[in-house]
Amino acid sequence: MLVCFFLALPCGHADTIYVSNLGNNTIEKFTSSGVGSVFANGFSGSDGPEGLAFDNGGNLYVANLGNNTIEKFGTNGVGSVFASSGLNEPEGLAIDSNGNLYVGNLGSDTIERFGTNGVGTVFANQIHALCLAVDQSGNVYAGNPENETVEEYGTNGVVSVFVGPNSGLGGPDGMAFDSSGNLYVANYDRGNIQRFGTNGVGSVFASGLGEVGGLAFDSKGNLYVADQVANTIEEFGTNGVGSVFASTGLDGPTFLAVEVPEPASWIMVALGLGALLCGWRLRRRSP
């Protein structure tokens, strides 16, 4: 008689942090231990890569401010143009659970939405969206540095002010949600990071920073912050304590994205007259 059962075992693969370098038109990637290498270069224009976002398949999307395109890098690291229409100085990016890509157009004060086929439509007008984030319910949040607000676009298309102009914002330049649904906002002009609960009430999470921009969480809940002037990436643990994560290979870091590997490997164990072990690994990609 042959009996099979499955065990979920740790993969052993760590997160990888990607950083867009506006100063030298490259994307740098860092291991979880802070070791960096160039992932992509040769972006067009004097103002090159900005917003970064991963889809569920492990593809990386990059907003190229210099030539008004969105580049897509597959899991093999090969890049191609994903979209080139409807874009006007694209900056912040965000992807919902259905794979729709949202792009903040600074040049036209719009948010564009692209389906997985690369076809885009205008999602929102009259919004100076420098940074974007999507919550677990699919609502889209836009940081507006012109009026110091964060606006929320519901899945029904209705817009409302999530964080008002008197909430301590100062040039919101990066946003990210933690696993509990709290929204973190990097204030470029104030050198701090604010944390807002689901009710929109905020408090200062970290202060005394430089001109901070992109934010991203890893799978362990650590928050990474791009400091565009100091040319560093800061890391804040779940206890709120910060330290320098990376300081080499950076030149005007603006936006961040974290690639999270599959959480487990599935092993099939067969027991009979003897013990037969056979297994395979299901994972998105190697770091």
Protein backbone atom coordinates (compact mmCIF):
# COMPACT_ATOMS: atom_id res chain seq x y z
CA MET A 1 0.00 0.00 0.00
CA LEU A 2 1.32 3.41 -0.94
CA VAL A 3 0.40 6.45 1.17
CA CYS A 4 1.26 9.98 0.10
CA PHE A 5 1.12 13.19 2.04
CA PHE A 6 2.43 16.71 1.54
CA LEU A 7 4.72 18.81 3.69
CA ALA A 8 5.27 22.55 3.37
CA LEU A 9 8.92 23.34 3.98
CA PRO A 10 10.69 26.73 3.82
CA CYS A 11 12.21 27.62 0.47
CA GLY A 12 15.23 29.40 1.90
CA HIS A 13 14.93 32.20 -0.66
CA ALA A 14 15.10 35.78 0.63
CA ASP A 15 13.47 38.95 -0.60
CA THR A 16 15.18 41.13 -3.20
CA ILE A 17 14.92 44.93 -3.08
CA TYR A 18 14.86 46.90 -6.34
CA VAL A 19 15.70 50.62 -6.53
CA SER A 20 15.31 53.09 -9.40
CA ASN A 21 18.34 55.37 -9.70
CA LEU A 22 17.27 58.61 -11.34
CA GLY A 23 20.80 60.02 -11.26
CA ASN A 24 22.41 57.41 -13.50
CA ASN A 25 19.39 55.86 -15.27
CA THR A 26 19.75 52.41 -13.74
CA ILE A 27 17.84 49.98 -11.58
CA GLU A 28 19.84 48.47 -8.76
CA LYS A 29 18.87 45.29 -6.94
CA PHE A 30 19.93 44.31 -3.43
CA THR A 31 19.88 41.02 -1.62
CA SER A 32 18.32 40.93 1.84
CA SER A 33 21.83 41.34 3.26
CA GLY A 34 22.39 44.61 1.36
CA VAL A 35 24.64 43.35 -1.44
CA GLY A 36 23.83 45.29 -4.62
CA SER A 37 24.25 44.85 -8.36
CA VAL A 38 22.94 46.54 -11.50
CA PHE A 39 19.71 44.96 -12.72
CA ALA A 40 19.02 47.21 -15.75
CA ASN A 41 20.52 50.29 -17.37
CA GLY A 42 20.38 52.36 -20.53
CA PHE A 43 17.05 54.08 -19.88
CA SER A 44 16.28 56.96 -22.25
CA GLY A 45 16.32 60.66 -21.45
CA SER A 46 17.95 62.73 -18.76
CA ASP A 47 15.15 61.74 -16.40
CA GLY A 48 14.96 57.98 -16.52
CA PRO A 49 13.47 55.25 -14.31
CA GLU A 50 10.99 56.26 -11.62
CA GLY A 51 8.09 54.15 -10.29
CA LEU A 52 8.52 50.39 -9.79
CA ALA A 53 5.93 47.66 -9.23
CA PHE A 54 5.78 43.85 -9.33
CA ASP A 55 2.80 41.86 -10.56
CA ASN A 56 1.78 38.49 -9.14
CA GLY A 57 3.82 36.70 -11.79
CA GLY A 58 7.11 38.28 -10.75
CA ASN A 59 7.33 40.74 -13.66
CA LEU A 60 8.78 44.15 -12.83
CA TYR A 61 7.23 47.30 -14.32
CA VAL A 62 9.24 50.53 -14.56
CA ALA A 63 7.99 54.04 -15.32
CA ASN A 64 10.44 55.76 -17.68
CA LEU A 65 9.96 59.48 -17.18
CA GLY A 66 12.41 60.37 -19.95
CA ASN A 67 10.58 58.79 -22.89
CA ASN A 68 7.02 58.36 -21.56
CA THR A 69 6.95 54.58 -21.54
CA ILE A 70 6.38 51.72 -19.14
CA GLU A 71 9.04 49.02 -19.37
CA LYS A 72 8.32 45.43 -18.36
CA PHE A 73 11.06 43.07 -17.20
CA GLY A 74 10.21 39.38 -17.17
CA THR A 75 11.42 36.87 -14.62
CA ASN A 76 14.40 36.23 -16.93
CA GLY A 77 15.45 39.87 -16.59
CA VAL A 78 14.72 40.74 -20.23
CA GLY A 79 12.95 44.07 -20.72
CA SER A 80 10.49 45.32 -23.33
CA VAL A 81 8.08 48.21 -23.79
CA PHE A 82 4.76 47.41 -22.09
CA ALA A 83 2.98 50.71 -22.84
CA SER A 84 3.81 53.88 -24.76
CA SER A 85 0.47 55.64 -25.21
CA GLY A 86 -1.51 57.77 -22.78
CA LEU A 87 1.63 58.58 -20.78
CA ASN A 88 2.89 62.03 -19.87
CA GLU A 89 5.79 62.13 -17.41
CA PRO A 90 4.88 58.87 -15.64
CA GLU A 91 6.02 58.63 -12.03
CA GLY A 92 4.35 56.45 -9.40
CA LEU A 93 3.12 52.92 -10.18
CA ALA A 94 0.83 50.49 -8.40
CA ILE A 95 -0.72 47.13 -9.35
CA ASP A 96 -3.97 45.65 -8.02
CA SER A 97 -4.68 41.96 -7.43
CA ASN A 98 -6.19 41.61 -10.93
CA GLY A 99 -2.97 42.76 -12.57
CA ASN A 100 -4.20 46.23 -13.55
CA LEU A 101 -1.35 48.75 -13.59
CA TYR A 102 -2.01 52.31 -12.35
CA VAL A 103 0.30 55.12 -13.48
CA GLY A 104 0.52 58.68 -12.14
CA ASN A 105 0.98 61.12 -15.04
CA LEU A 106 2.55 64.30 -13.67
CA GLY A 107 2.53 65.99 -17.05
CA SER A 108 -1.23 65.71 -17.53
CA ASP A 109 -2.45 65.46 -13.91
CA THR A 110 -4.12 62.12 -14.56
CA ILE A 111 -3.96 58.51 -13.43
CA GLU A 112 -3.90 55.98 -16.24
CA ARG A 113 -4.97 52.35 -15.82
CA PHE A 114 -3.51 49.61 -18.03
CA GLY A 115 -4.88 46.09 -18.31
CA THR A 116 -2.61 43.08 -18.55
CA ASN A 117 -2.76 43.46 -22.35
CA GLY A 118 -1.13 46.90 -22.16
CA VAL A 119 -4.25 48.81 -23.21
CA GLY A 120 -4.75 51.95 -21.15
CA THR A 121 -7.62 54.26 -20.22
CA VAL A 122 -7.88 57.36 -18.04
CA PHE A 123 -8.74 56.28 -14.49
CA ALA A 124 -8.78 59.73 -12.82
CA ASN A 125 -8.47 63.37 -13.87
CA GLN A 126 -7.21 66.51 -12.16
CA ILE A 127 -4.93 64.73 -9.71
CA HIS A 128 -1.24 65.50 -9.36
CA ALA A 129 -0.35 61.93 -8.38
CA LEU A 130 3.32 61.61 -7.53
CA CYS A 131 2.99 58.28 -5.70
CA LEU A 132 0.36 55.53 -5.74
CA ALA A 133 -0.61 52.54 -3.60
CA VAL A 134 -3.37 49.92 -3.72
CA ASP A 135 -4.87 48.38 -0.58
CA GLN A 136 -6.00 44.77 -0.15
CA SER A 137 -9.56 45.66 -1.24
CA GLY A 138 -8.41 47.18 -4.53
CA ASN A 139 -8.85 50.84 -3.58
CA VAL A 140 -6.28 53.16 -5.17
CA TYR A 141 -4.54 55.86 -3.11
CA ALA A 142 -2.77 58.85 -4.65
CA GLY A 143 -0.34 61.16 -2.88
CA ASN A 144 -0.83 64.75 -4.06
CA PRO A 145 2.07 67.10 -3.16
CA GLU A 146 0.30 70.14 -4.62
CA ASN A 147 -2.46 70.24 -2.01
CA GLU A 148 -0.78 67.97 0.60
CA THR A 149 -3.45 65.28 0.57
CA VAL A 150 -3.88 61.57 -0.06
CA GLU A 151 -6.93 60.80 -2.14
CA GLU A 152 -8.72 57.44 -2.19
CA TYR A 153 -10.41 56.02 -5.28
CA GLY A 154 -12.84 53.24 -4.45
CA THR A 155 -13.44 50.24 -6.67
CA ASN A 156 -16.73 51.93 -7.62
CA GLY A 157 -14.78 54.91 -8.97
CA VAL A 158 -15.85 57.29 -6.21
CA VAL A 159 -13.07 59.57 -4.95
CA SER A 160 -12.71 60.93 -1.43
CA VAL A 161 -9.99 62.61 0.64
CA PHE A 162 -8.34 59.99 2.86
CA VAL A 163 -5.76 62.32 4.42
CA GLY A 164 -6.59 66.03 4.52
CA PRO A 165 -4.31 69.04 3.93
CA ASN A 166 -3.87 69.72 7.67
CA SER A 167 -2.60 66.26 8.60
CA GLY A 168 1.11 67.02 8.61
CA LEU A 169 1.90 65.99 5.05
CA GLY A 170 4.79 67.74 3.36
CA GLY A 171 5.41 66.68 -0.22
CA PRO A 172 4.18 63.06 -0.14
CA ASP A 173 6.67 61.25 -2.36
CA GLY A 174 6.22 57.57 -1.51
CA MET A 175 3.52 55.32 -0.06
CA ALA A 176 3.15 51.69 1.01
CA PHE A 177 0.68 49.56 2.96
CA ASP A 178 1.73 47.17 5.70
CA SER A 179 0.05 43.80 6.23
CA SER A 180 -2.39 45.34 8.73
CA GLY A 181 -3.70 47.92 6.26
CA ASN A 182 -1.85 50.93 7.67
CA LEU A 183 -0.69 53.41 5.05
CA TYR A 184 2.85 54.80 5.35
CA VAL A 185 3.67 58.08 3.62
CA ALA A 186 7.16 59.50 3.01
CA ASN A 187 7.18 63.31 3.30
CA TYR A 188 9.94 64.61 1.05
CA ASP A 189 9.80 68.18 2.39
CA ARG A 190 9.65 67.24 6.08
CA GLY A 191 12.12 64.36 6.18
CA ASN A 192 9.74 62.06 7.99
CA ILE A 193 7.40 59.11 7.54
CA GLN A 194 3.82 59.14 8.73
CA ARG A 195 1.62 56.12 9.46
CA PHE A 196 -2.14 56.37 8.90
CA GLY A 197 -4.62 53.83 10.18
CA THR A 198 -7.59 52.64 8.15
CA ASN A 199 -9.59 55.54 9.65
CA GLY A 200 -7.16 58.09 8.21
CA VAL A 201 -5.76 59.13 11.59
CA GLY A 202 -2.00 59.55 11.41
CA SER A 203 1.11 59.77 13.56
CA VAL A 204 4.82 60.21 12.88
CA PHE A 205 6.52 56.83 12.43
CA ALA A 206 10.07 58.13 11.83
CA SER A 207 11.66 61.57 11.69
CA GLY A 208 15.06 63.22 11.26
CA LEU A 209 15.48 61.76 7.77
CA GLY A 210 16.63 63.41 4.56
CA GLU A 211 14.61 63.96 1.40
CA VAL A 212 12.77 60.66 1.49
CA GLY A 213 10.86 59.11 -1.40
CA GLY A 214 9.93 55.55 -2.29
CA LEU A 215 8.70 53.10 0.35
CA ALA A 216 8.33 49.31 0.26
CA PHE A 217 7.74 46.50 2.78
CA ASP A 218 9.42 43.11 2.66
CA SER A 219 7.78 39.81 3.64
CA LYS A 220 8.96 40.18 7.26
CA GLY A 221 7.36 43.59 7.73
CA ASN A 222 10.55 45.63 7.46
CA LEU A 223 10.10 49.03 5.78
CA TYR A 224 12.64 50.29 3.23
CA VAL A 225 12.97 54.00 2.46
CA ALA A 226 14.83 55.75 -0.37
CA ASP A 227 16.74 58.89 0.64
CA GLN A 228 17.31 60.75 -2.61
CA VAL A 229 19.94 63.21 -1.35
CA ALA A 230 21.93 61.01 1.02
CA ASN A 231 21.93 58.25 -1.64
CA THR A 232 21.00 55.60 0.89
CA ILE A 233 18.27 53.06 1.55
CA GLU A 234 17.12 53.06 5.17
CA GLU A 235 15.55 49.99 6.79
CA PHE A 236 13.08 50.16 9.66
CA GLY A 237 12.25 47.04 11.61
CA THR A 238 8.80 46.27 12.93
CA ASN A 239 9.91 47.91 16.21
CA GLY A 240 10.42 51.21 14.37
CA VAL A 241 14.21 51.23 14.76
CA GLY A 242 16.02 52.37 11.61
CA SER A 243 19.47 51.80 10.14
CA VAL A 244 21.27 52.20 6.81
CA PHE A 245 20.51 49.18 4.63
CA ALA A 246 22.52 50.21 1.54
CA SER A 247 24.77 53.13 0.57
CA THR A 248 26.66 51.88 -2.49
CA GLY A 249 25.54 51.78 -6.09
CA LEU A 250 22.94 54.49 -5.48
CA ASP A 251 22.58 57.76 -7.37
CA GLY A 252 19.38 59.64 -6.69
CA PRO A 253 17.28 56.65 -5.56
CA THR A 254 13.59 57.44 -6.01
CA PHE A 255 11.26 54.43 -5.91
CA LEU A 256 11.46 50.91 -4.43
CA ALA A 257 9.88 47.52 -5.02
CA VAL A 258 10.40 44.24 -3.18
CA GLU A 259 10.32 40.86 -4.88
CA VAL A 260 8.99 38.23 -2.49
CA PRO A 261 9.64 34.56 -3.39
CA GLU A 262 7.17 31.74 -2.92
CA PRO A 263 6.77 31.12 0.83
CA ALA A 264 7.14 27.36 0.77
CA SER A 265 8.29 24.30 -1.15
CA TRP A 266 5.89 21.40 -1.43
CA ILE A 267 7.37 17.96 -0.84
CA MET A 268 5.44 14.76 -1.55
CA VAL A 269 6.42 11.91 0.74
CA ALA A 270 5.43 8.35 -0.18
CA LEU A 271 5.57 5.56 2.43
CA GLY A 272 5.24 1.87 1.62
CA LEU A 273 7.44 -1.21 2.07
CA GLY A 274 10.30 1.24 2.28
CA ALA A 275 10.48 4.99 2.42
CA LEU A 276 10.37 6.75 -0.92
CA LEU A 277 10.89 10.50 -1.00
CA CYS A 278 10.13 12.45 -4.11
CA GLY A 279 9.61 16.18 -4.30
CA TRP A 280 9.55 19.19 -6.41
CA ARG A 281 9.67 22.89 -5.75
CA LEU A 282 7.07 25.37 -6.86
CA ARG A 283 8.43 28.88 -6.85
CA ARG A 284 8.12 32.09 -8.75
CA ARG A 285 11.79 32.66 -9.46
CA SER A 286 15.20 32.61 -7.88
CA PRO A 287 16.43 35.85 -6.36
